[in-house]
Amino acid sequence: MDRLDERHIGLEVGDTITAKVRRFTPGEEPRYDTFRVPYEKWMRVLDVLIYITEELDSDLSYRWYCGSKMCGSCAMRVNGRETLACWAAAEPDMTIEPLRNLPVLRDLTVDRKPYEQRFLALEPWIHRANPYPGFPEPLTHREMRFASRALDCISCAACYSACPVVGLGDVTNFSGPAPLVQIGQAALDPRDSHDRWQHLIREASIFSCVSCYRCEEVCPASIPIVSRVIEPLKALAYRTAPEKPRHPHVFLDIVRRRGRIDPSELVLRVQGLRALLGLGRIKALLVARKVAPWKTLFGKPIRGIRHVRRLFEKIS
C-alpha cells in the first residue's frame, strides 16, 4: 500500500481536502455530496470521514472498528481503487465510494451477506480424517506454504469488489477471490481430507478466474491471491475431479497452439453463445481491454512456439 508520507507530499496543515462522497438512502436516487475538510498531519481517509460526521454534523454512513488494518471493515473505493480507509492517506481531491459487487445499504455501507454466504457454502473449515494427535502438531513450512498465506486474510472484501469476473454475475457464477481465500485456508492445509472438487468447480466456478491479478493489486494484506491461493486450488480441483472440467482443457489447448492465453477465445469456447449475451458486459470488457477479438481472429503464435509445444509433448 502507499505510504502516508508519499501521498501527503504537497499538503500542508490547514490545506483544504475536497471529498466527493457517494450518498445513497433506500428509496432515493444515489448522489454525490462534496465536503471540504482542513488537512491535519498524517490524515487518513478515515480521519476525513470522521471529521465529516463529527465536525460537519453529517449523517454519512460507513463502517470502521479497529482503525489499524486488522478488522477489514472500513474497505471502500477511493479514487476508483479499493482500499482501507484506516490505511489510505488523504489526498487533496478524493472521490469516495462503496465497494462494488455488493448491495449498498446506505452511503458507504454495503451488505456483506452475499459474500459471507458464498464462502460459508464452500465449507471453509478443516475436515479431518485422522484424530488430533495432540499439541504441538508437527507441520512444516513447506506443507503450510499455501495455506499460511491465505490465513493472512482480514475479510475486507476489497478483492471481491475489484474482481471483474464477479461483476459478470450469473454469466460465470464465480464466487470471487475472497471466498476462495477463505476456503484455501482449509483446503490447502495438509490436515484437510475433504473432497473439495465439487465445491471448487460447481459452486465456486474457480476456473472462471481469468488471472487478471486485480485482486492482488488491492489486497491490503499483500496476499498473492492468484499465484499462491487460487492457482493451487485450481490444481487441486483438476487433480481430484473424476471428470475434468472443460475450462482447463480449453486453456491448455490455446496455450499449446498460440503460446499464450487468449481471453476472447477462452470465453467463447467455454461459454459458447452465452458469452455473446449482454452487450453492456461485452462493451465493458472491451473498454477494459480484457478481451481483444481482433487478436483472436488475426493473432499469430508467439515467437518460439515450437519450444512451448515441445513442453506439451513431454508431459502428454
C-alpha atoms as a PDB file:
ATOM      1  CA  MET A   1       0.000   0.000   0.000  1.00  0.00           C
ATOM      2  CA  ASP A   2       1.070   3.616  -0.484  1.00  0.00           C
ATOM      3  CA  ARG A   3       2.972   5.231   2.338  1.00  0.00           C
ATOM      4  CA  LEU A   4       1.279   8.128   4.107  1.00  0.00           C
ATOM      5  CA  ASP A   5       4.247  10.459   3.690  1.00  0.00           C
ATOM      6  CA  GLU A   6       4.417   9.751  -0.056  1.00  0.00           C
ATOM      7  CA  ARG A   7       0.727  10.577  -0.595  1.00  0.00           C
ATOM      8  CA  HIS A   8       0.873  13.699   1.603  1.00  0.00           C
ATOM      9  CA  ILE A   9       3.540  15.446  -0.468  1.00  0.00           C
ATOM     10  CA  GLY A  10       2.310  18.967  -1.213  1.00  0.00           C
ATOM     11  CA  LEU A  11      -0.224  19.063   1.617  1.00  0.00           C
ATOM     12  CA  GLU A  12       0.296  21.479   4.490  1.00  0.00           C
ATOM     13  CA  VAL A  13      -1.614  21.593   7.760  1.00  0.00           C
ATOM     14  CA  GLY A  14      -4.748  23.638   7.200  1.00  0.00           C
ATOM     15  CA  ASP A  15      -4.941  22.989   3.450  1.00  0.00           C
ATOM     16  CA  THR A  16      -8.387  22.077   2.173  1.00  0.00           C
ATOM     17  CA  ILE A  17      -9.190  18.487   1.261  1.00  0.00           C
ATOM     18  CA  THR A  18     -12.131  18.129  -1.096  1.00  0.00           C
ATOM     19  CA  ALA A  19     -14.011  14.852  -0.585  1.00  0.00           C
ATOM     20  CA  LYS A  20     -16.731  13.914  -3.036  1.00  0.00           C
ATOM     21  CA  VAL A  21     -18.697  11.147  -1.321  1.00  0.00           C
ATOM     22  CA  ARG A  22     -21.319   8.904  -2.878  1.00  0.00           C
ATOM     23  CA  ARG A  23     -24.539   9.064  -0.880  1.00  0.00           C
ATOM     24  CA  PHE A  24     -27.408   6.623  -1.029  1.00  0.00           C
ATOM     25  CA  THR A  25     -30.591   6.257   1.002  1.00  0.00           C
ATOM     26  CA  PRO A  26     -33.004   3.390   0.205  1.00  0.00           C
ATOM     27  CA  GLY A  27     -35.868   4.663  -1.913  1.00  0.00           C
ATOM     28  CA  GLU A  28     -33.861   7.599  -3.264  1.00  0.00           C
ATOM     29  CA  GLU A  29     -31.536   8.083  -6.222  1.00  0.00           C
ATOM     30  CA  PRO A  30     -27.786   7.973  -5.453  1.00  0.00           C
ATOM     31  CA  ARG A  31     -25.997  11.306  -5.411  1.00  0.00           C
ATOM     32  CA  TYR A  32     -22.601  12.775  -4.616  1.00  0.00           C
ATOM     33  CA  ASP A  33     -22.079  15.288  -1.809  1.00  0.00           C
ATOM     34  CA  THR A  34     -18.933  17.385  -1.625  1.00  0.00           C
ATOM     35  CA  PHE A  35     -17.272  18.111   1.726  1.00  0.00           C
ATOM     36  CA  ARG A  36     -14.304  20.359   2.459  1.00  0.00           C
ATOM     37  CA  VAL A  37     -12.084  19.251   5.319  1.00  0.00           C
ATOM     38  CA  PRO A  38      -8.985  21.000   6.744  1.00  0.00           C
ATOM     39  CA  TYR A  39      -5.908  18.836   6.444  1.00  0.00           C
ATOM     40  CA  GLU A  40      -4.160  17.628   9.592  1.00  0.00           C
ATOM     41  CA  LYS A  41      -0.779  15.937   9.715  1.00  0.00           C
ATOM     42  CA  TRP A  42      -0.818  12.233   8.770  1.00  0.00           C
ATOM     43  CA  MET A  43      -4.518  12.435   7.933  1.00  0.00           C
ATOM     44  CA  ARG A  44      -6.097   9.244   6.612  1.00  0.00           C
ATOM     45  CA  VAL A  45      -9.283   8.768   4.609  1.00  0.00           C
ATOM     46  CA  LEU A  46     -10.890   7.518   7.816  1.00  0.00           C
ATOM     47  CA  ASP A  47      -9.948  10.763   9.567  1.00  0.00           C
ATOM     48  CA  VAL A  48     -11.654  12.692   6.779  1.00  0.00           C
ATOM     49  CA  LEU A  49     -14.836  10.649   7.216  1.00  0.00           C
ATOM     50  CA  ILE A  50     -14.761  11.105  10.993  1.00  0.00           C
ATOM     51  CA  TYR A  51     -14.379  14.865  10.541  1.00  0.00           C
ATOM     52  CA  ILE A  52     -17.350  14.900   8.164  1.00  0.00           C
ATOM     53  CA  THR A  53     -19.615  13.113  10.659  1.00  0.00           C
ATOM     54  CA  GLU A  54     -18.426  14.759  13.857  1.00  0.00           C
ATOM     55  CA  GLU A  55     -17.447  18.287  12.843  1.00  0.00           C
ATOM     56  CA  LEU A  56     -19.716  18.865   9.856  1.00  0.00           C
ATOM     57  CA  ASP A  57     -22.646  17.145  11.565  1.00  0.00           C
ATOM     58  CA  SER A  58     -23.314  14.838   8.644  1.00  0.00           C
ATOM     59  CA  ASP A  59     -25.312  11.604   8.860  1.00  0.00           C
ATOM     60  CA  LEU A  60     -22.879   9.882   6.496  1.00  0.00           C
ATOM     61  CA  SER A  61     -22.924   6.086   6.977  1.00  0.00           C
ATOM     62  CA  TYR A  62     -19.731   3.994   6.902  1.00  0.00           C
ATOM     63  CA  ARG A  63     -18.106   1.170   8.886  1.00  0.00           C
ATOM     64  CA  TRP A  64     -14.929   1.018  10.925  1.00  0.00           C
ATOM     65  CA  TYR A  65     -13.855  -0.758  14.095  1.00  0.00           C
ATOM     66  CA  CYS A  66     -10.149  -1.165  14.798  1.00  0.00           C
ATOM     67  CA  GLY A  67      -8.716   1.692  12.726  1.00  0.00           C
ATOM     68  CA  SER A  68      -5.434  -0.217  12.426  1.00  0.00           C
ATOM     69  CA  LYS A  69      -5.654  -2.507   9.381  1.00  0.00           C
ATOM     70  CA  MET A  70      -6.821  -5.523  11.358  1.00  0.00           C
ATOM     71  CA  CYS A  71     -10.613  -5.902  11.017  1.00  0.00           C
ATOM     72  CA  GLY A  72     -11.088  -5.027   7.329  1.00  0.00           C
ATOM     73  CA  SER A  73     -14.455  -3.378   7.971  1.00  0.00           C
ATOM     74  CA  CYS A  74     -13.552   0.047   6.538  1.00  0.00           C
ATOM     75  CA  ALA A  75     -12.872  -1.167   2.978  1.00  0.00           C
ATOM     76  CA  MET A  76     -14.187   1.208   0.318  1.00  0.00           C
ATOM     77  CA  ARG A  77     -13.171   2.722  -3.010  1.00  0.00           C
ATOM     78  CA  VAL A  78     -11.089   5.904  -3.094  1.00  0.00           C
ATOM     79  CA  ASN A  79     -10.465   7.491  -6.475  1.00  0.00           C
ATOM     80  CA  GLY A  80     -11.512   4.292  -8.200  1.00  0.00           C
ATOM     81  CA  ARG A  81      -9.329   1.926  -6.172  1.00  0.00           C
ATOM     82  CA  GLU A  82     -10.305  -0.442  -3.370  1.00  0.00           C
ATOM     83  CA  THR A  83      -8.512   0.362  -0.134  1.00  0.00           C
ATOM     84  CA  LEU A  84      -8.880   0.519   3.651  1.00  0.00           C
ATOM     85  CA  ALA A  85      -9.961   3.934   4.869  1.00  0.00           C
ATOM     86  CA  CYS A  86      -7.856   3.480   8.015  1.00  0.00           C
ATOM     87  CA  TRP A  87      -4.686   2.872   5.987  1.00  0.00           C
ATOM     88  CA  ALA A  88      -5.070   5.107   2.944  1.00  0.00           C
ATOM     89  CA  ALA A  89      -3.641   8.594   3.084  1.00  0.00           C
ATOM     90  CA  ALA A  90      -5.984  11.502   2.500  1.00  0.00           C
ATOM     91  CA  GLU A  91      -5.452  13.226  -0.836  1.00  0.00           C
ATOM     92  CA  PRO A  92      -6.239  16.809  -1.850  1.00  0.00           C
ATOM     93  CA  ASP A  93      -9.138  15.647  -4.031  1.00  0.00           C
ATOM     94  CA  MET A  94     -10.924  12.384  -3.367  1.00  0.00           C
ATOM     95  CA  THR A  95     -13.952  10.556  -4.685  1.00  0.00           C
ATOM     96  CA  ILE A  96     -15.079   8.069  -2.040  1.00  0.00           C
ATOM     97  CA  GLU A  97     -17.481   5.272  -2.975  1.00  0.00           C
ATOM     98  CA  PRO A  98     -18.715   1.962  -1.514  1.00  0.00           C
ATOM     99  CA  LEU A  99     -17.341  -1.406  -2.577  1.00  0.00           C
ATOM    100  CA  ARG A 100     -18.670  -2.860  -5.817  1.00  0.00           C
ATOM    101  CA  ASN A 101     -20.369  -6.234  -6.346  1.00  0.00           C
ATOM    102  CA  LEU A 102     -22.231  -5.950  -3.032  1.00  0.00           C
ATOM    103  CA  PRO A 103     -25.629  -4.324  -2.309  1.00  0.00           C
ATOM    104  CA  VAL A 104     -25.364  -0.845  -0.806  1.00  0.00           C
ATOM    105  CA  LEU A 105     -27.343  -0.462   2.411  1.00  0.00           C
ATOM    106  CA  ARG A 106     -26.653   3.221   2.842  1.00  0.00           C
ATOM    107  CA  ASP A 107     -23.914   5.603   1.646  1.00  0.00           C
ATOM    108  CA  LEU A 108     -20.591   3.742   2.049  1.00  0.00           C
ATOM    109  CA  THR A 109     -22.066   0.821   3.996  1.00  0.00           C
ATOM    110  CA  VAL A 110     -22.514  -2.374   1.976  1.00  0.00           C
ATOM    111  CA  ASP A 111     -24.355  -5.582   2.773  1.00  0.00           C
ATOM    112  CA  ARG A 112     -21.677  -8.254   3.277  1.00  0.00           C
ATOM    113  CA  LYS A 113     -24.212 -11.090   3.455  1.00  0.00           C
ATOM    114  CA  PRO A 114     -23.870 -12.250  -0.227  1.00  0.00           C
ATOM    115  CA  TYR A 115     -20.088 -12.520   0.156  1.00  0.00           C
ATOM    116  CA  GLU A 116     -20.353 -14.300   3.502  1.00  0.00           C
ATOM    117  CA  GLN A 117     -22.978 -16.728   2.221  1.00  0.00           C
ATOM    118  CA  ARG A 118     -20.745 -17.641  -0.716  1.00  0.00           C
ATOM    119  CA  PHE A 119     -17.753 -18.608   1.364  1.00  0.00           C
ATOM    120  CA  LEU A 120     -19.819 -20.397   4.033  1.00  0.00           C
ATOM    121  CA  ALA A 121     -21.358 -22.537   1.272  1.00  0.00           C
ATOM    122  CA  LEU A 122     -17.812 -23.711   0.448  1.00  0.00           C
ATOM    123  CA  GLU A 123     -17.341 -25.145   3.968  1.00  0.00           C
ATOM    124  CA  PRO A 124     -14.155 -23.200   4.748  1.00  0.00           C
ATOM    125  CA  TRP A 125     -13.077 -25.321   7.681  1.00  0.00           C
ATOM    126  CA  ILE A 126     -10.788 -28.320   8.022  1.00  0.00           C
ATOM    127  CA  HIS A 127     -12.334 -31.778   7.698  1.00  0.00           C
ATOM    128  CA  ARG A 128     -10.068 -34.268   9.457  1.00  0.00           C
ATOM    129  CA  ALA A 129      -9.987 -37.971   8.638  1.00  0.00           C
ATOM    130  CA  ASN A 130      -7.423 -38.613  11.364  1.00  0.00           C
ATOM    131  CA  PRO A 131      -7.853 -37.665  15.041  1.00  0.00           C
ATOM    132  CA  TYR A 132      -5.959 -34.722  16.510  1.00  0.00           C
ATOM    133  CA  PRO A 133      -2.564 -36.138  17.549  1.00  0.00           C
ATOM    134  CA  GLY A 134      -2.008 -33.674  20.374  1.00  0.00           C
ATOM    135  CA  PHE A 135      -0.123 -30.436  20.869  1.00  0.00           C
ATOM    136  CA  PRO A 136       2.092 -29.306  19.288  1.00  0.00           C
ATOM    137  CA  GLU A 137       1.011 -30.714  15.943  1.00  0.00           C
ATOM    138  CA  PRO A 138       4.033 -31.029  13.637  1.00  0.00           C
ATOM    139  CA  LEU A 139       3.653 -29.023  10.428  1.00  0.00           C
ATOM    140  CA  THR A 140       6.481 -27.964   8.156  1.00  0.00           C
ATOM    141  CA  HIS A 141       6.791 -24.625   6.377  1.00  0.00           C
ATOM    142  CA  ARG A 142       6.657 -26.461   3.067  1.00  0.00           C
ATOM    143  CA  GLU A 143       3.385 -28.172   3.984  1.00  0.00           C
ATOM    144  CA  MET A 144       1.810 -24.874   5.001  1.00  0.00           C
ATOM    145  CA  ARG A 145       3.336 -22.654   2.277  1.00  0.00           C
ATOM    146  CA  PHE A 146      -0.023 -22.037   0.570  1.00  0.00           C
ATOM    147  CA  ALA A 147      -2.477 -22.192   3.483  1.00  0.00           C
ATOM    148  CA  SER A 148      -0.329 -19.860   5.585  1.00  0.00           C
ATOM    149  CA  ARG A 149      -0.660 -17.037   3.051  1.00  0.00           C
ATOM    150  CA  ALA A 150      -4.434 -17.473   2.906  1.00  0.00           C
ATOM    151  CA  LEU A 151      -4.535 -17.176   6.706  1.00  0.00           C
ATOM    152  CA  ASP A 152      -3.392 -13.552   6.404  1.00  0.00           C
ATOM    153  CA  CYS A 153      -6.823 -12.590   5.020  1.00  0.00           C
ATOM    154  CA  ILE A 154      -8.730  -9.969   7.072  1.00  0.00           C
ATOM    155  CA  SER A 155     -12.023 -10.480   5.163  1.00  0.00           C
ATOM    156  CA  CYS A 156     -12.206  -6.879   3.966  1.00  0.00           C
ATOM    157  CA  ALA A 157     -13.755  -7.929   0.593  1.00  0.00           C
ATOM    158  CA  ALA A 158     -11.615  -5.406  -1.320  1.00  0.00           C
ATOM    159  CA  CYS A 159     -10.626  -8.140  -3.773  1.00  0.00           C
ATOM    160  CA  TYR A 160     -14.268  -9.184  -4.138  1.00  0.00           C
ATOM    161  CA  SER A 161     -15.100  -5.623  -5.192  1.00  0.00           C
ATOM    162  CA  ALA A 162     -12.147  -5.330  -7.570  1.00  0.00           C
ATOM    163  CA  CYS A 163     -12.741  -8.646  -9.364  1.00  0.00           C
ATOM    164  CA  PRO A 164     -14.139  -8.031 -12.883  1.00  0.00           C
ATOM    165  CA  VAL A 165     -15.435 -11.608 -13.168  1.00  0.00           C
ATOM    166  CA  VAL A 166     -17.598 -11.307 -10.036  1.00  0.00           C
ATOM    167  CA  GLY A 167     -19.212  -8.328 -11.753  1.00  0.00           C
ATOM    168  CA  LEU A 168     -20.425 -10.611 -14.548  1.00  0.00           C
ATOM    169  CA  GLY A 169     -22.881 -12.243 -12.144  1.00  0.00           C
ATOM    170  CA  ASP A 170     -24.731 -15.287 -13.460  1.00  0.00           C
ATOM    171  CA  VAL A 171     -22.686 -15.340 -16.666  1.00  0.00           C
ATOM    172  CA  THR A 172     -19.864 -17.045 -14.748  1.00  0.00           C
ATOM    173  CA  ASN A 173     -21.301 -17.566 -11.233  1.00  0.00           C
ATOM    174  CA  PHE A 174     -17.753 -17.023  -9.976  1.00  0.00           C
ATOM    175  CA  SER A 175     -17.558 -16.949  -6.183  1.00  0.00           C
ATOM    176  CA  GLY A 176     -14.811 -14.340  -6.248  1.00  0.00           C
ATOM    177  CA  PRO A 177     -11.292 -14.282  -4.815  1.00  0.00           C
ATOM    178  CA  ALA A 178     -12.296 -13.591  -1.196  1.00  0.00           C
ATOM    179  CA  PRO A 179     -14.367 -16.786  -0.714  1.00  0.00           C
ATOM    180  CA  LEU A 180     -11.606 -18.775  -2.414  1.00  0.00           C
ATOM    181  CA  VAL A 181      -9.039 -17.365   0.005  1.00  0.00           C
ATOM    182  CA  GLN A 182     -11.314 -18.447   2.852  1.00  0.00           C
ATOM    183  CA  ILE A 183     -11.661 -21.995   1.564  1.00  0.00           C
ATOM    184  CA  GLY A 184      -7.938 -22.001   0.765  1.00  0.00           C
ATOM    185  CA  GLN A 185      -7.178 -21.740   4.483  1.00  0.00           C
ATOM    186  CA  ALA A 186      -8.640 -25.228   4.904  1.00  0.00           C
ATOM    187  CA  ALA A 187      -8.338 -26.897   1.500  1.00  0.00           C
ATOM    188  CA  LEU A 188      -4.603 -26.125   1.193  1.00  0.00           C
ATOM    189  CA  ASP A 189      -3.907 -27.275   4.751  1.00  0.00           C
ATOM    190  CA  PRO A 190      -2.204 -30.707   4.798  1.00  0.00           C
ATOM    191  CA  ARG A 191      -4.546 -31.854   7.601  1.00  0.00           C
ATOM    192  CA  ASP A 192      -7.653 -31.404   5.444  1.00  0.00           C
ATOM    193  CA  SER A 193      -9.076 -34.622   3.986  1.00  0.00           C
ATOM    194  CA  HIS A 194     -12.314 -33.295   2.458  1.00  0.00           C
ATOM    195  CA  ASP A 195     -13.032 -33.912  -1.226  1.00  0.00           C
ATOM    196  CA  ARG A 196     -13.178 -30.286  -2.386  1.00  0.00           C
ATOM    197  CA  TRP A 197     -13.516 -30.537  -6.159  1.00  0.00           C
ATOM    198  CA  GLN A 198     -17.317 -30.169  -6.216  1.00  0.00           C
ATOM    199  CA  HIS A 199     -17.210 -27.035  -4.085  1.00  0.00           C
ATOM    200  CA  LEU A 200     -14.410 -25.532  -6.157  1.00  0.00           C
ATOM    201  CA  ILE A 201     -15.770 -26.359  -9.616  1.00  0.00           C
ATOM    202  CA  ARG A 202     -19.539 -26.400  -9.238  1.00  0.00           C
ATOM    203  CA  GLU A 203     -20.174 -23.861  -6.509  1.00  0.00           C
ATOM    204  CA  ALA A 204     -17.156 -21.538  -6.711  1.00  0.00           C
ATOM    205  CA  SER A 205     -16.698 -21.867 -10.501  1.00  0.00           C
ATOM    206  CA  ILE A 206     -12.987 -21.493  -9.823  1.00  0.00           C
ATOM    207  CA  PHE A 207     -11.948 -21.900 -13.448  1.00  0.00           C
ATOM    208  CA  SER A 208     -13.813 -18.702 -14.288  1.00  0.00           C
ATOM    209  CA  CYS A 209     -10.902 -16.807 -12.720  1.00  0.00           C
ATOM    210  CA  VAL A 210      -9.024 -15.088 -15.567  1.00  0.00           C
ATOM    211  CA  SER A 211      -5.866 -14.439 -13.502  1.00  0.00           C
ATOM    212  CA  CYS A 212      -6.005 -10.682 -14.065  1.00  0.00           C
ATOM    213  CA  TYR A 213      -4.303 -10.137 -10.674  1.00  0.00           C
ATOM    214  CA  ARG A 214      -6.594  -7.217  -9.856  1.00  0.00           C
ATOM    215  CA  CYS A 215      -7.315  -8.899  -6.500  1.00  0.00           C
ATOM    216  CA  GLU A 216      -3.616  -8.976  -5.629  1.00  0.00           C
ATOM    217  CA  GLU A 217      -3.218  -5.306  -6.571  1.00  0.00           C
ATOM    218  CA  VAL A 218      -5.750  -4.145  -3.978  1.00  0.00           C
ATOM    219  CA  CYS A 219      -5.190  -6.677  -1.172  1.00  0.00           C
ATOM    220  CA  PRO A 220      -4.215  -4.712   1.972  1.00  0.00           C
ATOM    221  CA  ALA A 221      -2.601  -7.843   3.447  1.00  0.00           C
ATOM    222  CA  SER A 222      -0.430  -8.293   0.319  1.00  0.00           C
ATOM    223  CA  ILE A 223      -1.624 -11.870  -0.169  1.00  0.00           C
ATOM    224  CA  PRO A 224      -0.542 -13.334  -3.543  1.00  0.00           C
ATOM    225  CA  ILE A 225      -4.140 -14.420  -4.088  1.00  0.00           C
ATOM    226  CA  VAL A 226      -3.826 -15.750  -7.630  1.00  0.00           C
ATOM    227  CA  SER A 227      -0.380 -17.331  -7.534  1.00  0.00           C
ATOM    228  CA  ARG A 228      -0.410 -18.777  -4.003  1.00  0.00           C
ATOM    229  CA  VAL A 229      -4.099 -19.499  -3.393  1.00  0.00           C
ATOM    230  CA  ILE A 230      -6.294 -19.669  -6.498  1.00  0.00           C
ATOM    231  CA  GLU A 231      -3.802 -21.463  -8.762  1.00  0.00           C
ATOM    232  CA  PRO A 232      -3.044 -24.172  -6.146  1.00  0.00           C
ATOM    233  CA  LEU A 233      -6.817 -24.576  -5.648  1.00  0.00           C
ATOM    234  CA  LYS A 234      -7.277 -24.953  -9.406  1.00  0.00           C
ATOM    235  CA  ALA A 235      -4.602 -27.655  -9.421  1.00  0.00           C
ATOM    236  CA  LEU A 236      -6.324 -29.400  -6.508  1.00  0.00           C
ATOM    237  CA  ALA A 237      -9.708 -29.302  -8.258  1.00  0.00           C
ATOM    238  CA  TYR A 238      -8.314 -30.542 -11.560  1.00  0.00           C
ATOM    239  CA  ARG A 239      -6.319 -33.320  -9.890  1.00  0.00           C
ATOM    240  CA  THR A 240      -9.185 -34.686  -7.797  1.00  0.00           C
ATOM    241  CA  ALA A 241     -12.207 -34.214 -10.102  1.00  0.00           C
ATOM    242  CA  PRO A 242     -13.324 -37.544 -11.693  1.00  0.00           C
ATOM    243  CA  GLU A 243     -14.438 -35.672 -14.822  1.00  0.00           C
ATOM    244  CA  LYS A 244     -12.010 -32.994 -15.880  1.00  0.00           C
ATOM    245  CA  PRO A 245     -13.683 -29.575 -16.308  1.00  0.00           C
ATOM    246  CA  ARG A 246     -13.824 -28.023 -19.771  1.00  0.00           C
ATOM    247  CA  HIS A 247     -12.118 -24.759 -18.859  1.00  0.00           C
ATOM    248  CA  PRO A 248      -8.569 -26.073 -18.173  1.00  0.00           C
ATOM    249  CA  HIS A 249      -8.736 -28.312 -21.274  1.00  0.00           C
ATOM    250  CA  VAL A 250      -9.527 -25.304 -23.453  1.00  0.00           C
ATOM    251  CA  PHE A 251      -6.969 -23.168 -21.632  1.00  0.00           C
ATOM    252  CA  LEU A 252      -4.166 -25.655 -22.250  1.00  0.00           C
ATOM    253  CA  ASP A 253      -5.169 -26.136 -25.883  1.00  0.00           C
ATOM    254  CA  ILE A 254      -4.991 -22.387 -26.530  1.00  0.00           C
ATOM    255  CA  VAL A 255      -1.567 -22.132 -24.900  1.00  0.00           C
ATOM    256  CA  ARG A 256      -0.320 -25.127 -26.896  1.00  0.00           C
ATOM    257  CA  ARG A 257      -1.433 -23.575 -30.198  1.00  0.00           C
ATOM    258  CA  ARG A 258      -0.643 -19.915 -29.545  1.00  0.00           C
ATOM    259  CA  GLY A 259       1.972 -19.940 -26.801  1.00  0.00           C
ATOM    260  CA  ARG A 260      -0.163 -17.529 -24.771  1.00  0.00           C
ATOM    261  CA  ILE A 261      -3.659 -17.324 -23.409  1.00  0.00           C
ATOM    262  CA  ASP A 262      -6.373 -15.646 -25.482  1.00  0.00           C
ATOM    263  CA  PRO A 263      -9.206 -14.449 -23.210  1.00  0.00           C
ATOM    264  CA  SER A 264     -11.665 -13.950 -26.088  1.00  0.00           C
ATOM    265  CA  GLU A 265     -11.237 -17.479 -27.424  1.00  0.00           C
ATOM    266  CA  LEU A 266     -11.284 -18.928 -23.913  1.00  0.00           C
ATOM    267  CA  VAL A 267     -14.612 -17.286 -23.078  1.00  0.00           C
ATOM    268  CA  LEU A 268     -16.221 -18.245 -26.399  1.00  0.00           C
ATOM    269  CA  ARG A 269     -15.125 -21.865 -26.287  1.00  0.00           C
ATOM    270  CA  VAL A 270     -16.086 -22.390 -22.641  1.00  0.00           C
ATOM    271  CA  GLN A 271     -19.375 -20.488 -22.563  1.00  0.00           C
ATOM    272  CA  GLY A 272     -20.449 -20.720 -26.189  1.00  0.00           C
ATOM    273  CA  LEU A 273     -23.189 -18.373 -27.364  1.00  0.00           C
ATOM    274  CA  ARG A 274     -23.984 -17.372 -23.767  1.00  0.00           C
ATOM    275  CA  ALA A 275     -20.846 -15.255 -23.861  1.00  0.00           C
ATOM    276  CA  LEU A 276     -22.439 -13.025 -26.510  1.00  0.00           C
ATOM    277  CA  LEU A 277     -25.422 -12.165 -24.314  1.00  0.00           C
ATOM    278  CA  GLY A 278     -25.325  -8.839 -22.524  1.00  0.00           C
ATOM    279  CA  LEU A 279     -23.918  -6.137 -24.790  1.00  0.00           C
ATOM    280  CA  GLY A 280     -23.175  -3.925 -21.802  1.00  0.00           C
ATOM    281  CA  ARG A 281     -20.825  -6.508 -20.308  1.00  0.00           C
ATOM    282  CA  ILE A 282     -19.117  -7.101 -23.646  1.00  0.00           C
ATOM    283  CA  LYS A 283     -18.567  -3.367 -24.062  1.00  0.00           C
ATOM    284  CA  ALA A 284     -17.130  -3.114 -20.541  1.00  0.00           C
ATOM    285  CA  LEU A 285     -14.685  -5.953 -21.226  1.00  0.00           C
ATOM    286  CA  LEU A 286     -13.619  -4.312 -24.494  1.00  0.00           C
ATOM    287  CA  VAL A 287     -13.093  -0.930 -22.839  1.00  0.00           C
ATOM    288  CA  ALA A 288     -11.078  -2.544 -20.048  1.00  0.00           C
ATOM    289  CA  ARG A 289      -9.073  -4.468 -22.688  1.00  0.00           C
ATOM    290  CA  LYS A 290      -9.913  -7.766 -21.020  1.00  0.00           C
ATOM    291  CA  VAL A 291     -10.827  -9.219 -24.413  1.00  0.00           C
ATOM    292  CA  ALA A 292      -9.422  -8.480 -27.866  1.00  0.00           C
ATOM    293  CA  PRO A 293     -11.438 -10.183 -30.648  1.00  0.00           C
ATOM    294  CA  TRP A 294      -9.080  -8.928 -33.351  1.00  0.00           C
ATOM    295  CA  LYS A 295      -6.192 -10.794 -31.735  1.00  0.00           C
ATOM    296  CA  THR A 296      -8.356 -13.912 -31.580  1.00  0.00           C
ATOM    297  CA  LEU A 297      -9.107 -13.684 -35.305  1.00  0.00           C
ATOM    298  CA  PHE A 298      -5.758 -12.459 -36.628  1.00  0.00           C
ATOM    299  CA  GLY A 299      -3.222 -13.082 -33.880  1.00  0.00           C
ATOM    300  CA  LYS A 300      -0.278 -15.338 -34.616  1.00  0.00           C
ATOM    301  CA  PRO A 301       1.509 -17.751 -32.264  1.00  0.00           C
ATOM    302  CA  ILE A 302       4.340 -16.270 -30.242  1.00  0.00           C
ATOM    303  CA  ARG A 303       7.909 -16.486 -31.466  1.00  0.00           C
ATOM    304  CA  GLY A 304       9.458 -19.700 -30.241  1.00  0.00           C
ATOM    305  CA  ILE A 305       6.129 -21.524 -30.202  1.00  0.00           C
ATOM    306  CA  ARG A 306       7.955 -24.762 -31.010  1.00  0.00           C
ATOM    307  CA  HIS A 307       9.541 -24.722 -27.542  1.00  0.00           C
ATOM    308  CA  VAL A 308       6.108 -24.408 -25.931  1.00  0.00           C
ATOM    309  CA  ARG A 309       4.771 -27.308 -27.990  1.00  0.00           C
ATOM    310  CA  ARG A 310       7.779 -29.387 -27.096  1.00  0.00           C
ATOM    311  CA  LEU A 311       6.906 -28.970 -23.413  1.00  0.00           C
ATOM    312  CA  PHE A 312       3.391 -30.217 -24.095  1.00  0.00           C
ATOM    313  CA  GLU A 313       4.775 -33.254 -25.943  1.00  0.00           C
ATOM    314  CA  LYS A 314       6.955 -34.146 -22.963  1.00  0.00           C
ATOM    315  CA  ILE A 315       4.088 -34.094 -20.484  1.00  0.00           C
ATOM    316  CA  SER A 316       1.468 -35.748 -22.716  1.00  0.00           C
END
